[in-house]
Amino acid sequence: MTMEFKRSPDGGWGWVIVLVSFVTQFLCYGSPLAVGVLYIEWLDAFGEGKGKTAWIGSLASGVGLLASPVCSLCVSSFGARPVTIFSGFMVAGGLMLSSFAPNIYFLFFSYGIVVGLGCGLLYTATVTITCQYFDSRRGLALGLISTGSSVGLFIYAALQRLLIEFYGLDGCLLIVGALALNILACGSLMRPLQSSDRPLSEKTALENVPDRYSIYNEKEKNLEENINILEKRYGGDETCKSTLANGDCKQESLVHKNPTTMSHTKETETYKKKVAERTYFCKQLAKRKWQLYKNYCEETVTLFKNKVFSALFIAIFLFDIGGFPPSLLMEDVARSSNVKEEDFIMPLISIIGIMTAVGKLILGILADFKWINTLYLYVATLIIMSLALCAIPFAKSYVTLAILSGIVGFLTGNWSIFPYVTTKTVGIEKLAHAYGILMFFAGLGNSLGPPIVGWFFDWTQTYDIAFYFSGFCVLLGGFILLLAALPSWDTCDKQVPKPAPTTFLYKVASNSSNV
């Protein structure tokens, strides 16, 4: 019996998957990305410093990225549908628990860790099942579902402010948590592509059969050695027992002539052979697992030997430290700049959200043009964003803050071209490995950025130095990546190793001639 898999339909029920994945990202990321509205309320409610309070939103955005390897393992082991349903309970439960938070430390767990981990699981599940249902239209499908988080940021920023006015902070979190329960309905529609009439374990067994027999055929001597060891041990025990019972070794010959004893002997030999096979198989499996782990470490070291990849992980880390805080702190920046509430036509976080969706779409389209270097396009977004961040302290009106929020939001849409950049740097065959490492550093930057900016305010009582620091981080990451990606570096790399093969071949030739 085999496990049958259906071909990716590139449509049909796949568009339902796109719709429910869009709604899932909308519901789960809406509140964490628009946490800036809640951030102001938590500052007033608990009276803690801005740096400490900023940990809540940074954890909600960073924990899911930090735990991306665990999230991928859960989805590959249990499937997208069960993970989505379970994570829906996590997100909804975490939001509802946050309404009963007695202090800020409780919010670190309920909102930061529980909601953040649930969002990470949901992101991995939606992307995985969308990739399963689409092949030729995969880019379009992934682009559509990725806008769910941006639209969620746009709507939830205004929705949470409205709910706080009518029902207070606690009522807002309860209602938002109740809305998140709709993720369960979305998860129930994520029908797996594989046929459901045969269990998944048979697929695993079928895949392991050829490897198992190949292991046995590699070294049959080791298997025989294991059997001999068991025979010596088992035979020695039988000899001792017969000698102690009868005091005579002649009893052994009579026992072997008995048919019942002969059948028992065959069963014993079969049992010993099975034990030996299982023991040998476990040893080889352990060796294979160790070899896979060793290969993973070697591939990781090889990736970091690539100068562009090393610069890319520095750039994404610095970008998230400096580029993520505006979406969390912009509302408080406006309040610190004494902008009147009646001047607010639209929440600044909503502007960031809608422009992020526009940026993802336009930058993704630009990346498809062959005459545009995607890596240089990504560097350009970093440099321009750094200038916009440094200009925020000079903005003292709602209009200027709205313009800068729109620019920052649009450039944050460079997340849509980041996979293109990673593929260009390491190749498609190493994309999954490299992207997992980069997302870990992105999550680390997301977690550290807002608290650092908040601490700067606590020390200086102004956001000026904080945003200068943020702009410097993004600018530094952009210049490091630009220097690593310059063509002159590639030319130097190609010219330097040329003498090495000549010297190596000469030595081999001289050794062979001496022999």
Protein backbone atom coordinates (compact mmCIF):
# COMPACT_ATOMS: atom_id res chain seq x y z
CA MET A 1 0.00 0.00 0.00
CA THR A 2 1.32 3.43 -0.92
CA MET A 3 0.42 7.00 -0.15
CA GLU A 4 -0.95 8.83 -3.16
CA PHE A 5 -0.58 12.58 -3.62
CA LYS A 6 -2.64 14.69 -5.92
CA ARG A 7 -0.99 17.05 -8.36
CA SER A 8 -0.96 20.77 -7.47
CA PRO A 9 -4.17 22.05 -9.10
CA ASP A 10 -3.00 25.70 -9.47
CA GLY A 11 -6.60 26.74 -8.98
CA GLY A 12 -9.88 25.13 -7.99
CA TRP A 13 -9.95 24.57 -4.24
CA GLY A 14 -6.56 26.27 -4.15
CA TRP A 15 -8.28 29.67 -4.42
CA VAL A 16 -10.29 28.76 -1.32
CA ILE A 17 -6.97 28.04 0.39
CA VAL A 18 -5.72 31.48 -0.69
CA LEU A 19 -8.86 33.14 0.69
CA VAL A 20 -8.78 31.39 4.08
CA SER A 21 -5.01 31.93 4.36
CA PHE A 22 -5.54 35.64 3.67
CA VAL A 23 -8.25 35.81 6.35
CA THR A 24 -6.08 33.81 8.77
CA GLN A 25 -3.16 36.22 8.45
CA PHE A 26 -5.60 39.13 8.68
CA LEU A 27 -7.07 37.85 11.95
CA CYS A 28 -3.85 36.72 13.63
CA TYR A 29 -1.52 39.57 12.65
CA GLY A 30 -4.04 42.42 12.82
CA SER A 31 -3.68 43.09 16.54
CA PRO A 32 0.06 42.34 16.97
CA LEU A 33 1.04 44.61 14.07
CA ALA A 34 -1.34 47.37 15.25
CA VAL A 35 -0.16 46.98 18.84
CA GLY A 36 0.91 50.64 18.86
CA VAL A 37 -2.68 51.59 19.73
CA LEU A 38 -2.61 49.24 22.72
CA TYR A 39 0.92 50.36 23.62
CA ILE A 40 -0.32 53.83 24.61
CA GLU A 41 -3.06 52.33 26.80
CA TRP A 42 -0.62 49.99 28.53
CA LEU A 43 1.71 52.92 29.25
CA ASP A 44 -1.14 54.72 31.05
CA ALA A 45 -2.52 51.58 32.73
CA PHE A 46 0.67 50.14 34.24
CA GLY A 47 2.91 53.22 34.42
CA GLU A 48 6.02 51.32 33.36
CA GLY A 49 8.82 52.73 31.22
CA LYS A 50 8.49 52.91 27.45
CA GLY A 51 11.37 50.46 26.97
CA LYS A 52 9.84 47.80 29.21
CA THR A 53 6.34 48.26 27.78
CA ALA A 54 7.66 48.00 24.23
CA TRP A 55 8.74 44.42 24.98
CA ILE A 56 5.11 43.30 24.68
CA GLY A 57 4.74 44.20 21.02
CA SER A 58 8.28 43.24 20.11
CA LEU A 59 7.85 39.76 21.57
CA ALA A 60 4.57 39.30 19.71
CA SER A 61 6.34 40.03 16.42
CA GLY A 62 9.69 38.40 17.13
CA VAL A 63 8.85 35.14 18.92
CA GLY A 64 7.21 33.62 15.84
CA LEU A 65 10.28 34.34 13.72
CA LEU A 66 12.68 33.11 16.40
CA ALA A 67 10.73 29.84 16.64
CA SER A 68 10.46 29.39 12.86
CA PRO A 69 12.39 26.05 12.88
CA VAL A 70 10.00 24.66 15.50
CA CYS A 71 6.99 25.97 13.57
CA SER A 72 8.21 24.30 10.37
CA LEU A 73 8.71 21.02 12.23
CA CYS A 74 5.16 21.14 13.65
CA VAL A 75 3.58 21.81 10.26
CA SER A 76 5.58 19.07 8.53
CA SER A 77 4.75 16.58 11.30
CA PHE A 78 1.04 17.26 11.87
CA GLY A 79 -0.14 19.10 8.76
CA ALA A 80 -1.43 22.61 8.12
CA ARG A 81 -5.06 22.02 9.20
CA PRO A 82 -4.41 20.73 12.76
CA VAL A 83 -1.70 23.35 13.34
CA THR A 84 -4.01 26.15 12.15
CA ILE A 85 -6.86 25.06 14.43
CA PHE A 86 -4.55 24.65 17.42
CA SER A 87 -2.84 27.99 16.75
CA GLY A 88 -6.24 29.68 16.43
CA PHE A 89 -6.94 28.68 20.02
CA MET A 90 -3.52 30.01 21.03
CA VAL A 91 -4.01 33.43 19.44
CA ALA A 92 -7.60 33.84 20.66
CA GLY A 93 -6.75 32.55 24.14
CA GLY A 94 -3.69 34.78 24.43
CA LEU A 95 -5.67 37.89 23.46
CA MET A 96 -8.48 37.08 25.89
CA LEU A 97 -6.05 36.31 28.72
CA SER A 98 -4.37 39.67 28.11
CA SER A 99 -7.60 41.43 29.07
CA PHE A 100 -7.20 40.04 32.61
CA ALA A 101 -3.50 40.96 32.92
CA PRO A 102 -2.74 42.28 36.44
CA ASN A 103 0.70 43.59 35.44
CA ILE A 104 3.00 44.01 32.48
CA TYR A 105 4.86 40.76 33.14
CA PHE A 106 1.68 38.79 32.58
CA LEU A 107 1.36 40.50 29.18
CA PHE A 108 4.88 39.37 28.28
CA PHE A 109 3.56 35.80 28.46
CA SER A 110 -0.06 36.11 27.30
CA TYR A 111 0.34 38.66 24.50
CA GLY A 112 4.04 38.44 23.72
CA ILE A 113 4.79 34.71 23.82
CA VAL A 114 1.43 32.94 23.40
CA VAL A 115 0.06 35.23 20.68
CA GLY A 116 3.47 35.58 19.04
CA LEU A 117 4.08 31.83 18.85
CA GLY A 118 0.56 31.27 17.54
CA CYS A 119 1.15 33.82 14.77
CA GLY A 120 4.41 32.10 13.82
CA LEU A 121 2.67 28.74 13.54
CA LEU A 122 -0.16 30.22 11.47
CA TYR A 123 2.23 31.96 9.09
CA THR A 124 4.14 28.74 8.45
CA ALA A 125 0.92 26.74 8.01
CA THR A 126 -0.65 29.17 5.53
CA VAL A 127 2.50 29.48 3.42
CA THR A 128 3.07 25.70 3.41
CA ILE A 129 -0.42 24.69 2.30
CA THR A 130 -0.50 27.48 -0.31
CA CYS A 131 2.76 26.19 -1.81
CA GLN A 132 1.27 22.69 -1.93
CA TYR A 133 -1.78 23.85 -3.89
CA PHE A 134 0.10 26.11 -6.34
CA ASP A 135 3.05 25.56 -8.61
CA SER A 136 3.04 27.80 -11.68
CA ARG A 137 0.98 30.49 -9.88
CA ARG A 138 2.74 30.17 -6.55
CA GLY A 139 4.18 33.70 -6.60
CA LEU A 140 0.75 35.23 -7.17
CA ALA A 141 -0.85 33.10 -4.45
CA LEU A 142 1.84 33.92 -1.89
CA GLY A 143 1.60 37.61 -2.76
CA LEU A 144 -2.14 37.60 -2.18
CA ILE A 145 -2.00 35.91 1.22
CA SER A 146 0.92 38.10 2.40
CA THR A 147 -1.23 41.21 2.03
CA GLY A 148 -3.57 39.84 4.70
CA SER A 149 -1.25 41.01 7.48
CA SER A 150 -0.92 44.50 5.96
CA VAL A 151 -4.68 44.88 5.54
CA GLY A 152 -5.08 43.61 9.10
CA LEU A 153 -2.72 46.31 10.34
CA PHE A 154 -4.69 48.97 8.44
CA ILE A 155 -8.12 47.90 9.78
CA TYR A 156 -7.16 46.80 13.30
CA ALA A 157 -5.44 50.11 14.05
CA ALA A 158 -8.75 51.97 13.67
CA LEU A 159 -10.85 49.08 15.04
CA GLN A 160 -8.90 48.74 18.28
CA ARG A 161 -9.00 52.50 18.87
CA LEU A 162 -12.77 52.47 18.36
CA LEU A 163 -13.25 49.47 20.66
CA ILE A 164 -11.16 51.11 23.38
CA GLU A 165 -13.36 54.21 23.26
CA PHE A 166 -16.56 52.19 23.66
CA TYR A 167 -15.55 49.20 25.81
CA GLY A 168 -12.17 50.08 27.32
CA LEU A 169 -8.87 48.24 26.94
CA ASP A 170 -10.09 44.99 28.52
CA GLY A 171 -13.23 44.87 26.39
CA CYS A 172 -11.20 45.58 23.27
CA LEU A 173 -8.90 42.61 23.88
CA LEU A 174 -11.86 40.31 24.61
CA ILE A 175 -13.62 41.28 21.36
CA VAL A 176 -10.43 41.01 19.29
CA GLY A 177 -9.80 37.60 20.83
CA ALA A 178 -13.32 36.51 19.95
CA LEU A 179 -12.76 37.62 16.35
CA ALA A 180 -9.60 35.50 16.27
CA LEU A 181 -11.72 32.39 16.91
CA ASN A 182 -12.76 32.62 13.25
CA ILE A 183 -9.32 31.19 12.49
CA LEU A 184 -10.79 27.82 13.52
CA ALA A 185 -13.29 28.01 10.67
CA CYS A 186 -10.50 28.95 8.26
CA GLY A 187 -8.44 25.99 9.44
CA SER A 188 -11.31 23.56 8.88
CA LEU A 189 -11.36 24.57 5.20
CA MET A 190 -7.65 23.82 4.72
CA ARG A 191 -8.25 20.44 3.13
CA PRO A 192 -4.95 18.55 2.78
CA LEU A 193 -3.88 17.81 -0.77
CA GLN A 194 -2.90 14.22 -0.03
CA SER A 195 -5.50 11.46 -0.22
CA SER A 196 -7.12 10.71 3.14
CA ASP A 197 -7.92 7.02 2.63
CA ARG A 198 -4.47 5.84 3.71
CA PRO A 199 -2.61 6.83 6.85
CA LEU A 200 0.53 8.92 6.73
CA SER A 201 2.57 6.33 8.57
CA GLU A 202 2.52 4.05 5.52
CA LYS A 203 4.24 6.72 3.48
CA THR A 204 6.94 7.00 6.10
CA ALA A 205 7.37 3.24 6.21
CA LEU A 206 7.51 3.01 2.41
CA GLU A 207 10.15 5.70 2.19
CA ASN A 208 12.26 4.00 4.84
CA VAL A 209 12.14 0.51 3.29
CA PRO A 210 14.70 1.07 0.52
CA ASP A 211 17.05 2.87 2.89
CA ARG A 212 16.66 0.12 5.47
CA TYR A 213 17.51 -2.67 3.07
CA SER A 214 20.35 -0.67 1.57
CA ILE A 215 21.78 -0.34 5.06
CA TYR A 216 21.60 -4.10 5.56
CA ASN A 217 23.25 -4.75 2.22
CA GLU A 218 26.09 -2.34 2.90
CA LYS A 219 27.77 -4.32 5.69
CA GLU A 220 26.43 -7.81 6.18
CA LYS A 221 29.47 -8.75 8.21
CA ASN A 222 28.44 -6.40 10.98
CA LEU A 223 25.06 -8.12 11.11
CA GLU A 224 26.72 -11.53 11.37
CA GLU A 225 28.99 -10.24 14.12
CA ASN A 226 25.97 -9.08 16.11
CA ILE A 227 24.33 -12.51 15.70
CA ASN A 228 27.52 -14.29 16.81
CA ILE A 229 27.73 -12.10 19.89
CA LEU A 230 24.13 -12.92 20.77
CA GLU A 231 24.70 -16.64 20.13
CA LYS A 232 27.73 -16.74 22.39
CA ARG A 233 25.88 -14.92 25.12
CA TYR A 234 22.67 -16.92 24.73
CA GLY A 235 24.49 -20.23 24.24
CA GLY A 236 26.61 -19.66 27.30
CA ASP A 237 23.51 -19.12 29.39
CA GLU A 238 21.89 -22.34 28.10
CA THR A 239 25.07 -24.35 28.81
CA CYS A 240 25.23 -23.04 32.34
CA LYS A 241 21.56 -23.85 32.92
CA SER A 242 21.84 -27.41 31.61
CA THR A 243 25.02 -28.06 33.54
CA LEU A 244 23.57 -26.80 36.79
CA ALA A 245 20.36 -28.78 36.34
CA ASN A 246 21.78 -32.16 35.32
CA GLY A 247 25.47 -31.92 36.04
CA ASP A 248 26.03 -33.56 32.70
CA CYS A 249 26.77 -32.10 29.31
CA LYS A 250 25.37 -35.16 27.55
CA GLN A 251 21.87 -33.89 28.13
CA GLU A 252 22.46 -31.31 25.42
CA SER A 253 22.60 -33.91 22.65
CA LEU A 254 19.34 -35.46 23.81
CA VAL A 255 17.66 -32.12 23.99
CA HIS A 256 18.62 -31.26 20.44
CA LYS A 257 17.06 -34.50 19.19
CA ASN A 258 13.70 -33.60 20.68
CA PRO A 259 11.39 -32.07 17.96
CA THR A 260 9.85 -29.66 20.43
CA THR A 261 13.26 -28.46 21.43
CA MET A 262 14.32 -28.14 17.79
CA SER A 263 11.35 -25.89 17.01
CA HIS A 264 12.17 -23.86 20.08
CA THR A 265 15.74 -23.55 18.85
CA LYS A 266 14.56 -22.25 15.45
CA GLU A 267 12.34 -19.69 17.15
CA THR A 268 15.29 -18.63 19.29
CA GLU A 269 17.52 -18.23 16.25
CA THR A 270 14.82 -16.21 14.47
CA TYR A 271 14.40 -14.02 17.52
CA LYS A 272 18.17 -13.50 17.81
CA LYS A 273 18.36 -12.57 14.15
CA LYS A 274 15.55 -10.03 14.52
CA VAL A 275 17.21 -8.53 17.60
CA ALA A 276 20.51 -8.31 15.72
CA GLU A 277 18.79 -6.67 12.74
CA ARG A 278 17.05 -4.12 14.93
CA THR A 279 20.26 -3.39 16.84
CA TYR A 280 22.24 -2.91 13.66
CA PHE A 281 19.49 -0.80 12.13
CA CYS A 282 19.42 1.49 15.19
CA LYS A 283 23.19 1.91 15.03
CA GLN A 284 23.06 2.82 11.34
CA LEU A 285 20.11 5.16 11.91
CA ALA A 286 22.03 6.97 14.63
CA LYS A 287 25.03 7.27 12.32
CA ARG A 288 22.82 8.64 9.56
CA LYS A 289 21.20 11.20 11.88
CA TRP A 290 24.62 12.29 13.07
CA GLN A 291 25.79 12.60 9.47
CA LEU A 292 22.75 14.74 8.61
CA TYR A 293 23.46 16.99 11.57
CA LYS A 294 27.11 17.22 10.55
CA ASN A 295 26.14 18.08 6.97
CA TYR A 296 23.75 20.77 8.23
CA CYS A 297 26.52 22.38 10.27
CA GLU A 298 28.92 22.21 7.33
CA GLU A 299 26.33 23.79 5.02
CA THR A 300 25.75 26.55 7.58
CA VAL A 301 29.48 27.27 7.74
CA THR A 302 29.59 27.31 3.93
CA LEU A 303 26.74 29.83 3.83
CA PHE A 304 28.53 32.20 6.19
CA LYS A 305 31.68 31.97 4.05
CA ASN A 306 29.64 33.74 1.37
CA LYS A 307 30.36 37.45 1.96
CA VAL A 308 27.04 38.59 0.52
CA PHE A 309 25.08 36.19 2.75
CA SER A 310 27.01 37.32 5.84
CA ALA A 311 26.27 40.93 4.92
CA LEU A 312 22.63 40.02 4.28
CA PHE A 313 22.09 38.59 7.76
CA ILE A 314 23.71 41.70 9.28
CA ALA A 315 21.50 43.92 7.10
CA ILE A 316 18.24 42.14 8.00
CA PHE A 317 19.17 42.18 11.69
CA LEU A 318 19.94 45.92 11.68
CA PHE A 319 16.91 46.63 9.48
CA ASP A 320 14.53 45.04 11.98
CA ILE A 321 16.17 46.81 14.90
CA GLY A 322 15.68 50.19 13.25
CA GLY A 323 12.77 49.70 10.85
CA PHE A 324 10.25 47.88 13.04
CA PRO A 325 9.83 50.41 15.92
CA PRO A 326 7.88 53.04 13.87
CA SER A 327 4.93 50.69 13.41
CA LEU A 328 4.82 50.22 17.18
CA LEU A 329 5.73 53.68 18.45
CA MET A 330 4.47 56.14 15.83
CA GLU A 331 1.25 56.89 17.75
CA ASP A 332 3.25 57.74 20.86
CA VAL A 333 5.65 59.82 18.73
CA ALA A 334 2.69 61.92 17.57
CA ARG A 335 1.51 62.35 21.15
CA SER A 336 5.03 63.32 22.26
CA SER A 337 5.15 65.90 19.43
CA ASN A 338 1.98 67.50 20.84
CA VAL A 339 -0.10 66.74 17.75
CA LYS A 340 -3.75 67.44 18.52
CA GLU A 341 -6.14 64.51 18.39
CA GLU A 342 -8.62 66.43 16.22
CA ASP A 343 -5.91 66.70 13.54
CA PHE A 344 -5.80 62.93 13.17
CA ILE A 345 -7.59 62.11 9.93
CA MET A 346 -6.38 58.50 10.03
CA PRO A 347 -4.21 56.60 12.55
CA LEU A 348 -0.55 56.72 11.56
CA ILE A 349 -0.31 52.96 12.03
CA SER A 350 -3.11 52.50 9.49
CA ILE A 351 -1.14 54.57 6.99
CA ILE A 352 1.91 52.36 7.58
CA GLY A 353 -0.21 49.25 7.08
CA ILE A 354 -1.85 50.23 3.81
CA MET A 355 1.41 51.57 2.36
CA THR A 356 3.17 48.36 3.34
CA ALA A 357 0.66 46.41 1.23
CA VAL A 358 1.24 48.82 -1.68
CA GLY A 359 4.99 48.51 -1.25
CA LYS A 360 4.86 44.70 -1.29
CA LEU A 361 2.91 44.77 -4.54
CA ILE A 362 4.95 47.43 -6.40
CA LEU A 363 8.37 46.22 -5.23
CA GLY A 364 7.39 42.65 -6.10
CA ILE A 365 6.44 43.75 -9.62
CA LEU A 366 9.73 45.67 -10.00
CA ALA A 367 11.68 42.59 -8.91
CA ASP A 368 10.24 40.65 -11.88
CA PHE A 369 11.90 42.98 -14.42
CA LYS A 370 15.10 41.42 -15.72
CA TRP A 371 16.90 44.76 -16.08
CA ILE A 372 16.50 45.50 -12.34
CA ASN A 373 19.06 44.04 -9.95
CA THR A 374 16.96 42.86 -6.99
CA LEU A 375 19.86 43.03 -4.57
CA TYR A 376 20.57 46.69 -5.40
CA LEU A 377 16.84 47.42 -5.23
CA TYR A 378 16.77 46.02 -1.70
CA VAL A 379 19.81 48.11 -0.74
CA ALA A 380 18.10 51.22 -2.13
CA THR A 381 15.05 50.61 0.08
CA LEU A 382 17.31 50.36 3.14
CA ILE A 383 19.16 53.61 2.40
CA ILE A 384 15.99 55.59 1.67
CA MET A 385 14.30 54.21 4.80
CA SER A 386 17.26 55.27 6.93
CA LEU A 387 16.85 58.85 5.68
CA ALA A 388 13.11 58.76 6.42
CA LEU A 389 13.75 57.49 9.97
CA CYS A 390 16.27 60.27 10.63
CA ALA A 391 13.69 62.82 9.40
CA ILE A 392 10.99 61.74 11.89
CA PRO A 393 12.37 63.90 14.78
CA PHE A 394 11.96 66.99 12.56
CA ALA A 395 8.25 66.25 11.92
CA LYS A 396 6.08 68.32 14.26
CA SER A 397 2.72 68.13 12.49
CA TYR A 398 0.29 65.38 11.54
CA VAL A 399 0.82 65.91 7.80
CA THR A 400 4.59 65.47 7.93
CA LEU A 401 4.29 62.47 10.25
CA ALA A 402 1.70 60.94 7.89
CA ILE A 403 3.99 61.43 4.88
CA LEU A 404 6.97 59.89 6.66
CA SER A 405 4.77 57.03 7.92
CA GLY A 406 3.69 56.36 4.33
CA ILE A 407 7.31 56.32 3.12
CA VAL A 408 8.42 54.00 5.92
CA GLY A 409 5.44 51.72 5.32
CA PHE A 410 6.07 51.54 1.57
CA LEU A 411 9.75 50.67 2.08
CA THR A 412 8.85 48.07 4.71
CA GLY A 413 7.19 46.27 1.82
CA ASN A 414 10.68 45.15 0.80
CA TRP A 415 9.82 41.93 2.65
CA SER A 416 8.22 40.80 -0.61
CA ILE A 417 11.55 40.92 -2.46
CA PHE A 418 13.63 39.47 0.38
CA PRO A 419 13.14 35.86 -0.83
CA TYR A 420 14.32 36.99 -4.29
CA VAL A 421 17.44 38.50 -2.72
CA THR A 422 18.12 35.35 -0.71
CA THR A 423 17.73 33.15 -3.79
CA LYS A 424 20.08 35.38 -5.79
CA THR A 425 22.64 35.15 -2.99
CA VAL A 426 22.70 31.43 -2.16
CA GLY A 427 20.80 29.70 -4.97
CA ILE A 428 17.44 27.95 -5.01
CA GLU A 429 18.84 24.70 -3.61
CA LYS A 430 19.95 26.38 -0.36
CA LEU A 431 17.02 28.78 -0.08
CA ALA A 432 15.15 26.96 2.71
CA HIS A 433 18.26 26.57 4.87
CA ALA A 434 19.42 30.16 4.35
CA TYR A 435 15.96 31.68 4.76
CA GLY A 436 15.46 29.93 8.10
CA ILE A 437 18.72 31.42 9.42
CA LEU A 438 17.85 34.90 8.16
CA MET A 439 14.35 34.76 9.68
CA PHE A 440 15.88 33.88 13.05
CA PHE A 441 17.99 37.04 12.96
CA ALA A 442 14.99 39.03 11.72
CA GLY A 443 13.01 37.84 14.75
CA LEU A 444 15.90 38.77 17.02
CA GLY A 445 15.93 42.28 15.55
CA ASN A 446 12.14 42.56 15.91
CA SER A 447 12.41 41.61 19.57
CA LEU A 448 15.22 44.04 20.41
CA GLY A 449 14.30 47.09 18.28
CA PRO A 450 11.29 48.61 20.11
CA PRO A 451 12.71 48.15 23.63
CA ILE A 452 15.98 49.81 22.58
CA VAL A 453 14.11 52.79 21.11
CA GLY A 454 11.92 52.94 24.23
CA TRP A 455 14.99 52.92 26.49
CA PHE A 456 16.46 55.81 24.53
CA PHE A 457 13.30 57.78 25.31
CA ASP A 458 13.45 56.83 28.99
CA TRP A 459 17.02 58.12 29.17
CA THR A 460 16.62 61.31 27.11
CA GLN A 461 12.86 61.99 27.41
CA THR A 462 12.73 62.47 23.63
CA TYR A 463 12.50 60.24 20.56
CA ASP A 464 15.09 62.26 18.59
CA ILE A 465 18.19 60.25 19.49
CA ALA A 466 16.18 57.02 19.31
CA PHE A 467 15.21 57.54 15.68
CA TYR A 468 18.68 58.78 14.78
CA PHE A 469 19.92 55.48 16.16
CA SER A 470 17.30 53.56 14.17
CA GLY A 471 18.21 55.36 10.96
CA PHE A 472 21.91 54.74 11.55
CA CYS A 473 21.30 50.99 12.06
CA VAL A 474 19.36 50.68 8.79
CA LEU A 475 21.90 52.81 6.91
CA LEU A 476 24.81 50.75 8.27
CA GLY A 477 23.14 47.51 7.19
CA GLY A 478 22.49 48.91 3.72
CA PHE A 479 26.09 50.04 3.20
CA ILE A 480 27.53 46.75 4.45
CA LEU A 481 25.32 44.84 2.00
CA LEU A 482 26.19 47.26 -0.82
CA LEU A 483 29.95 46.86 -0.26
CA ALA A 484 29.63 43.06 -0.17
CA ALA A 485 27.57 43.02 -3.38
CA LEU A 486 29.82 45.28 -5.47
CA PRO A 487 31.05 43.61 -8.70
CA SER A 488 34.67 44.41 -7.82
CA TRP A 489 34.44 42.00 -4.88
CA ASP A 490 33.31 39.19 -7.18
CA THR A 491 36.18 39.97 -9.55
CA CYS A 492 38.70 39.78 -6.75
CA ASP A 493 37.23 36.51 -5.54
CA LYS A 494 37.50 35.01 -8.99
CA GLN A 495 41.10 36.14 -9.54
CA VAL A 496 42.64 35.19 -6.22
CA PRO A 497 42.05 31.40 -6.23
CA LYS A 498 43.47 30.90 -9.75
CA PRO A 499 47.08 30.09 -8.71
CA ALA A 500 45.91 27.49 -6.18
CA PRO A 501 44.81 24.75 -8.62
CA THR A 502 48.09 25.11 -10.57
CA THR A 503 50.19 24.62 -7.45
CA PHE A 504 48.06 21.69 -6.35
CA LEU A 505 48.30 19.93 -9.70
CA TYR A 506 52.04 20.49 -9.80
CA LYS A 507 52.51 18.83 -6.43
CA VAL A 508 50.40 15.85 -7.44
CA ALA A 509 52.37 15.45 -10.63
CA SER A 510 55.70 15.63 -8.80
CA ASN A 511 54.59 13.08 -6.23
CA SER A 512 53.39 10.66 -8.87
CA SER A 513 56.67 11.01 -10.80
CA ASN A 514 58.71 10.29 -7.70
CA VAL A 515 56.72 7.17 -7.06
